[in-house]
Protein backbone atom coordinates (compact mmCIF):
# COMPACT_ATOMS: atom_id res chain seq x y z
CA UNK A 1 13.52 -22.54 10.23
CA UNK A 2 13.22 -18.83 9.52
CA UNK A 3 11.19 -16.95 12.11
CA UNK A 4 8.27 -15.09 10.52
CA UNK A 5 7.21 -11.80 12.04
CA UNK A 6 3.68 -10.49 11.68
CA UNK A 7 3.02 -7.42 9.58
CA UNK A 8 2.25 -5.42 12.71
CA UNK A 9 5.73 -6.27 14.06
CA UNK A 10 7.43 -4.78 11.05
CA UNK A 11 7.89 -1.06 11.51
CA UNK A 12 9.63 1.02 8.88
CA UNK A 13 11.49 3.51 11.07
CA UNK A 14 14.17 4.96 8.82
CA UNK A 15 14.36 5.59 5.07
CA UNK A 16 17.60 6.45 3.33
CA UNK A 17 16.99 7.95 -0.09
CA UNK A 18 18.87 8.00 -3.35
CA UNK A 19 18.66 11.25 -5.35
CA UNK A 20 15.27 10.16 -6.68
CA UNK A 21 14.00 10.45 -3.11
CA UNK A 22 12.48 7.03 -2.49
CA UNK A 23 15.28 4.64 -3.24
CA UNK A 24 17.05 2.17 -1.00
CA UNK A 25 15.80 1.74 2.51
CA UNK A 26 17.05 0.66 5.88
CA UNK A 27 14.25 -1.28 7.54
CA UNK A 28 14.15 -1.48 11.31
CA UNK A 29 11.43 -3.36 13.12
CA UNK A 30 10.14 -3.75 16.63
CA UNK A 31 6.99 -5.20 18.26
CA UNK A 32 4.15 -2.81 17.53
CA UNK A 33 1.38 -1.67 19.82
CA UNK A 34 -2.07 -3.17 19.30
CA UNK A 35 -2.90 -0.18 17.11
CA UNK A 36 0.24 0.50 15.01
CA UNK A 37 -0.93 4.05 14.27
CA UNK A 38 -0.85 4.98 17.95
CA UNK A 39 2.85 4.25 18.29
CA UNK A 40 5.06 6.89 19.81
CA UNK A 41 7.08 8.87 17.30
CA UNK A 42 10.71 7.77 16.85
CA UNK A 43 13.11 9.55 19.25
CA UNK A 44 14.50 11.93 16.61
CA UNK A 45 11.01 13.33 16.13
CA UNK A 46 10.07 13.71 19.80
CA UNK A 47 8.80 17.19 20.68
CA UNK A 48 11.56 19.32 22.21
CA UNK A 49 12.17 23.01 22.65
CA UNK A 50 14.22 24.80 20.01
CA UNK A 51 14.66 24.21 16.30
CA UNK A 52 15.47 20.52 16.04
CA UNK A 53 14.88 17.92 13.35
CA UNK A 54 11.26 17.47 14.45
CA UNK A 55 10.53 21.17 14.05
CA UNK A 56 12.11 21.25 10.59
CA UNK A 57 10.17 18.14 9.51
CA UNK A 58 6.91 19.81 10.47
CA UNK A 59 7.59 22.94 8.44
CA UNK A 60 9.13 21.15 5.45
CA UNK A 61 6.68 18.28 5.02
CA UNK A 62 6.30 17.38 1.34
CA UNK A 63 2.94 17.05 -0.39
CA UNK A 64 1.64 13.57 -1.29
CA UNK A 65 -0.43 13.31 -4.46
CA UNK A 66 -2.90 10.40 -4.53
CA UNK A 67 -4.68 9.04 -7.60
CA UNK A 68 -7.86 7.74 -5.97
CA UNK A 69 -11.39 6.59 -6.70
CA UNK A 70 -10.64 2.95 -7.56
CA UNK A 71 -12.70 2.50 -5.50
CA UNK A 72 -13.45 5.55 -3.37
CA UNK A 73 -14.06 3.20 -0.43
CA UNK A 74 -10.37 2.35 -0.25
CA UNK A 75 -9.31 5.91 -1.13
CA UNK A 76 -11.10 7.10 2.00
CA UNK A 77 -9.08 4.52 3.95
CA UNK A 78 -5.85 5.89 2.44
CA UNK A 79 -6.78 9.39 3.61
CA UNK A 80 -7.48 8.16 7.13
CA UNK A 81 -4.30 6.07 7.35
CA UNK A 82 -2.00 8.80 6.01
CA UNK A 83 -3.31 11.36 8.47
CA UNK A 84 -3.17 8.98 11.44
CA UNK A 85 0.41 8.04 10.65
CA UNK A 86 1.44 11.68 10.27
CA UNK A 87 -0.12 12.41 13.66
CA UNK A 88 1.69 9.42 15.18
CA UNK A 89 4.98 10.71 13.78
CA UNK A 90 4.58 14.41 14.57
CA UNK A 91 1.95 14.63 17.31
CA UNK A 92 -0.29 17.56 18.11
CA UNK A 93 -2.67 18.68 15.39
CA UNK A 94 -0.45 17.49 12.55
CA UNK A 95 -1.75 15.59 9.54
CA UNK A 96 -0.35 14.67 6.14
CA UNK A 97 -0.07 17.30 3.41
CA UNK A 98 -1.89 15.70 0.50
CA UNK A 99 -3.81 16.14 -2.72
CA UNK A 100 -6.22 13.53 -4.08
CA UNK A 101 -7.53 13.34 -7.61
CA UNK A 102 -10.54 11.02 -7.61
CA UNK A 103 -11.30 9.42 -10.96
CA UNK A 104 -14.68 7.98 -11.89
CA UNK A 105 -14.36 4.24 -11.37
CA UNK A 106 -17.14 3.17 -13.78
CA UNK A 107 -15.20 3.76 -17.03
CA UNK A 108 -12.03 2.44 -15.40
CA UNK A 109 -13.74 -0.82 -14.45
CA UNK A 110 -15.23 -1.11 -17.96
CA UNK A 111 -11.80 -0.70 -19.55
CA UNK A 112 -10.35 -3.27 -17.16
CA UNK A 113 -12.94 -5.81 -18.31
CA UNK A 114 -12.28 -4.92 -21.94
CA UNK A 115 -8.52 -5.26 -21.46
CA UNK A 116 -7.89 -1.72 -22.71
CA UNK A 117 -4.83 -1.07 -20.58
CA UNK A 118 -3.49 1.48 -23.06
CA UNK A 119 -6.48 3.75 -22.42
CA UNK A 120 -6.16 3.17 -18.70
CA UNK A 121 -2.48 4.07 -18.77
CA UNK A 122 -3.26 7.32 -20.56
CA UNK A 123 -5.94 8.16 -17.99
CA UNK A 124 -3.67 7.45 -15.03
CA UNK A 125 -0.84 9.45 -16.61
CA UNK A 126 -3.16 12.43 -17.05
CA UNK A 127 -4.26 12.19 -13.41
CA UNK A 128 -0.63 12.10 -12.27
CA UNK A 129 0.23 15.17 -14.34
CA UNK A 130 -2.69 17.04 -12.78
CA UNK A 131 -1.41 16.18 -9.30
CA UNK A 132 2.10 17.34 -10.14
CA UNK A 133 0.76 20.61 -11.53
CA UNK A 134 -1.24 20.99 -8.32
CA UNK A 135 1.93 20.81 -6.21
CA UNK A 136 2.43 17.11 -5.42
CA UNK A 137 6.03 16.21 -4.56
CA UNK A 138 5.32 12.46 -4.66
CA UNK A 139 2.62 10.52 -6.51
CA UNK A 140 1.02 7.27 -5.44
CA UNK A 141 -1.71 5.20 -7.03
CA UNK A 142 -4.28 4.05 -4.45
CA UNK A 143 -5.01 0.70 -6.10
CA UNK A 144 -2.98 -2.45 -6.67
CA UNK A 145 -4.63 -3.48 -9.94
CA UNK A 146 -3.90 -0.24 -11.77
CA UNK A 147 -0.17 -0.70 -11.16
CA UNK A 148 -0.47 -2.72 -14.33
CA UNK A 149 0.12 0.67 -16.02
CA UNK A 150 2.55 2.26 -13.55
CA UNK A 151 5.17 2.83 -16.26
CA UNK A 152 2.83 5.26 -18.03
CA UNK A 153 2.55 7.24 -14.80
CA UNK A 154 6.30 7.33 -14.19
CA UNK A 155 6.91 8.52 -17.74
CA UNK A 156 4.37 11.35 -17.37
CA UNK A 157 5.79 13.08 -14.27
CA UNK A 158 9.07 14.46 -12.98
CA UNK A 159 8.40 13.83 -9.27
CA UNK A 160 8.89 10.38 -7.69
CA UNK A 161 6.26 7.65 -7.98
CA UNK A 162 5.90 5.19 -5.07
CA UNK A 163 5.00 1.71 -6.32
CA UNK A 164 2.59 -0.09 -4.00
CA UNK A 165 4.44 -3.42 -4.15
CA UNK A 166 7.73 -2.04 -2.85
CA UNK A 167 6.85 -1.24 0.79
CA UNK A 168 5.11 -4.62 0.97
CA UNK A 169 8.07 -6.48 -0.50
CA UNK A 170 10.45 -4.78 1.92
CA UNK A 171 8.24 -5.58 4.90
CA UNK A 172 7.95 -9.22 3.86
CA UNK A 173 11.70 -9.61 3.51
CA UNK A 174 12.28 -7.88 6.85
CA UNK A 175 9.88 -10.39 8.41
CA UNK A 176 11.76 -13.35 6.96
CA UNK A 177 9.05 -14.37 4.51
CA UNK A 178 10.12 -16.23 1.37
CA UNK A 179 6.83 -17.66 0.08
CA UNK A 180 3.70 -15.53 0.27
CA UNK A 181 0.05 -15.86 -0.73
CA UNK A 182 -1.40 -13.09 -2.89
CA UNK A 183 -5.05 -12.03 -2.81
CA UNK A 184 -6.41 -9.39 -5.15
CA UNK A 185 -8.42 -8.88 -8.30
CA UNK A 186 -8.06 -11.52 -10.97
CA UNK A 187 -5.86 -9.07 -12.91
CA UNK A 188 -3.42 -8.84 -9.99
CA UNK A 189 -3.49 -12.56 -9.21
CA UNK A 190 -3.33 -13.86 -12.78
CA UNK A 191 -1.07 -11.37 -14.58
CA UNK A 192 2.66 -11.02 -13.95
CA UNK A 193 3.01 -7.29 -13.24
CA UNK A 194 2.68 -7.69 -9.47
CA UNK A 195 4.10 -11.11 -8.62
CA UNK A 196 6.89 -10.48 -11.11
CA UNK A 197 7.99 -7.34 -9.30
CA UNK A 198 7.97 -9.14 -5.96
CA UNK A 199 10.09 -11.91 -7.42
CA UNK A 200 12.58 -9.73 -9.30
CA UNK A 201 13.09 -7.06 -6.63
CA UNK A 202 12.62 -9.02 -3.42
CA UNK A 203 13.13 -12.69 -4.32
CA UNK A 204 9.64 -13.64 -3.16
CA UNK A 205 7.82 -16.76 -4.32
CA UNK A 206 4.12 -15.91 -4.76
CA UNK A 207 1.17 -18.30 -4.50
CA UNK A 208 -2.37 -17.48 -5.64
CA UNK A 209 -5.64 -19.32 -4.93
CA UNK A 210 -7.00 -21.97 -7.26
CA UNK A 211 -9.61 -21.23 -9.93
CA UNK A 212 -12.62 -21.17 -7.61
CA UNK A 213 -10.78 -19.21 -4.94
CA UNK A 214 -9.63 -16.57 -7.43
CA UNK A 215 -13.14 -16.21 -8.82
CA UNK A 216 -14.62 -15.73 -5.35
CA UNK A 217 -11.96 -13.27 -4.20
CA UNK A 218 -12.42 -11.18 -7.36
CA UNK A 219 -16.22 -11.27 -7.21
CA UNK A 220 -16.36 -10.14 -3.59
CA UNK A 221 -14.05 -7.21 -4.32
CA UNK A 222 -16.09 -5.83 -7.23
CA UNK A 223 -19.62 -6.82 -6.22
CA UNK A 224 -19.36 -6.04 -2.50
CA UNK A 225 -16.28 -4.25 -1.18
CA UNK A 226 -16.15 -1.59 -3.89
CA UNK A 227 -19.72 -0.72 -2.85
CA UNK A 228 -18.94 -0.68 0.87
CA UNK A 229 -20.77 -3.97 1.48
CA UNK A 230 -19.18 -6.12 4.20
CA UNK A 231 -20.69 -9.61 4.46
CA UNK A 232 -19.69 -12.19 7.11
CA UNK A 233 -20.09 -15.11 4.63
CA UNK A 234 -17.60 -13.39 2.33
CA UNK A 235 -15.15 -13.06 5.20
CA UNK A 236 -15.49 -16.80 5.75
CA UNK A 237 -14.70 -17.42 2.07
CA UNK A 238 -11.51 -15.39 2.43
CA UNK A 239 -10.61 -17.29 5.60
CA UNK A 240 -10.92 -20.58 3.74
CA UNK A 241 -8.84 -19.30 0.82
CA UNK A 242 -6.10 -18.22 3.22
CA UNK A 243 -6.21 -21.59 4.98
CA UNK A 244 -5.65 -23.26 1.60
CA UNK A 245 -2.69 -20.98 0.83
CA UNK A 246 -1.19 -21.90 4.20
CA UNK A 247 -1.62 -25.61 3.46
CA UNK A 248 0.26 -25.07 0.18
CA UNK A 249 3.22 -23.53 1.96
CA UNK A 250 2.53 -19.79 2.16
CA UNK A 251 4.17 -18.16 5.19
CA UNK A 252 2.12 -14.96 5.01
CA UNK A 253 -0.61 -13.39 2.89
CA UNK A 254 -0.68 -10.11 0.98
CA UNK A 255 -3.95 -8.20 0.92
CA UNK A 256 -3.17 -7.18 -2.65
CA UNK A 257 -6.31 -5.17 -3.26
CA UNK A 258 -6.88 -1.95 -1.38
CA UNK A 259 -10.47 -2.92 -0.56
CA UNK A 260 -9.65 -6.25 1.10
CA UNK A 261 -8.50 -4.50 4.27
CA UNK A 262 -12.13 -3.43 4.76
CA UNK A 263 -13.11 -7.10 5.14
CA UNK A 264 -10.08 -9.04 6.41
CA UNK A 265 -8.10 -8.24 9.56
CA UNK A 266 -5.31 -10.19 11.22
CA UNK A 267 -7.78 -12.03 13.45
CA UNK A 268 -9.49 -13.37 10.32
CA UNK A 269 -6.35 -14.93 8.90
CA UNK A 270 -4.44 -18.13 9.60
CA UNK A 271 -1.36 -16.36 8.21
CA UNK A 272 0.40 -13.09 9.04
CA UNK A 273 -1.37 -10.36 7.05
CA UNK A 274 0.52 -7.76 5.02
CA UNK A 275 -1.90 -4.97 4.16
CA UNK A 276 -0.71 -3.12 1.05
CA UNK A 277 -2.99 -0.14 1.78
CA UNK A 278 -1.50 0.52 5.21
CA UNK A 279 2.10 -0.12 4.15
CA UNK A 280 1.78 2.14 1.10
CA UNK A 281 0.14 4.98 3.03
CA UNK A 282 2.71 4.77 5.82
CA UNK A 283 5.69 4.81 3.45
CA UNK A 284 4.32 7.85 1.63
CA UNK A 285 4.01 9.78 4.89
CA UNK A 286 7.49 8.74 6.03
CA UNK A 287 8.90 10.04 2.75
CA UNK A 288 6.96 13.31 3.01
CA UNK A 289 8.30 13.95 6.52
CA UNK A 290 11.88 12.85 5.94
CA UNK A 291 12.61 14.04 2.39
CA UNK A 292 14.22 17.30 3.53
CA UNK A 293 16.11 15.81 6.48
CA UNK A 294 18.46 13.51 4.59
């Protein structure tokens, strides 16, 4: 039987880029500390005297552009995670170079309910163009659901776009996972844009909760987590949903909505947790540090 590593045991330590800057990767992993963002920097980035790779990485760090606000609760988590990972990599007073364009979530949520993905794609594309004009070298979208329109973003900019599913898919494969549970909004769980990418690019079989489970997961995201409300009974609902996914054969679970990490931690799950927010933020910082060292 394949041995399944936890998400915290999977550490992306080296990225090898194609000309587009965020292409194929070499994934190395090792047991992580209790807090993965307090890990020591890899040896090639250890502080030394003289002008070494670490010194160059500090001066040449690229700028990450983040389309945020969906919701702002998870966007604030992105900001915290990116800066903590940059500090873990570079030490001292370092943090990530970043720009964030925060959209108003109310009209976005209304268009999601109405199914007007064309309008949403145009809005996300405009936000990405603004970030590129502001100096972003890489653009990421701080929400899983809105990756339904990622192609509109890619077409609108000339800098790389980092898809949120890719760092997660790579981490899952590195951990030996073949069948994974997916939690997220009903759009992410029920439409094919997310599970399809995991299947086509990483060969992953994705399971989602049943009708009642999907309804509860979606409701808690929009009615509670997007408003910063953390309720213990809701955590118990998620625990039960994850237990059911495990019983159906899932080897791990994806927190496929950037707000879920506010509610569910590894201790709350019967399965290894793969947090898309943390994996996405970490990969963006790794790219920003390493882009000029390849």
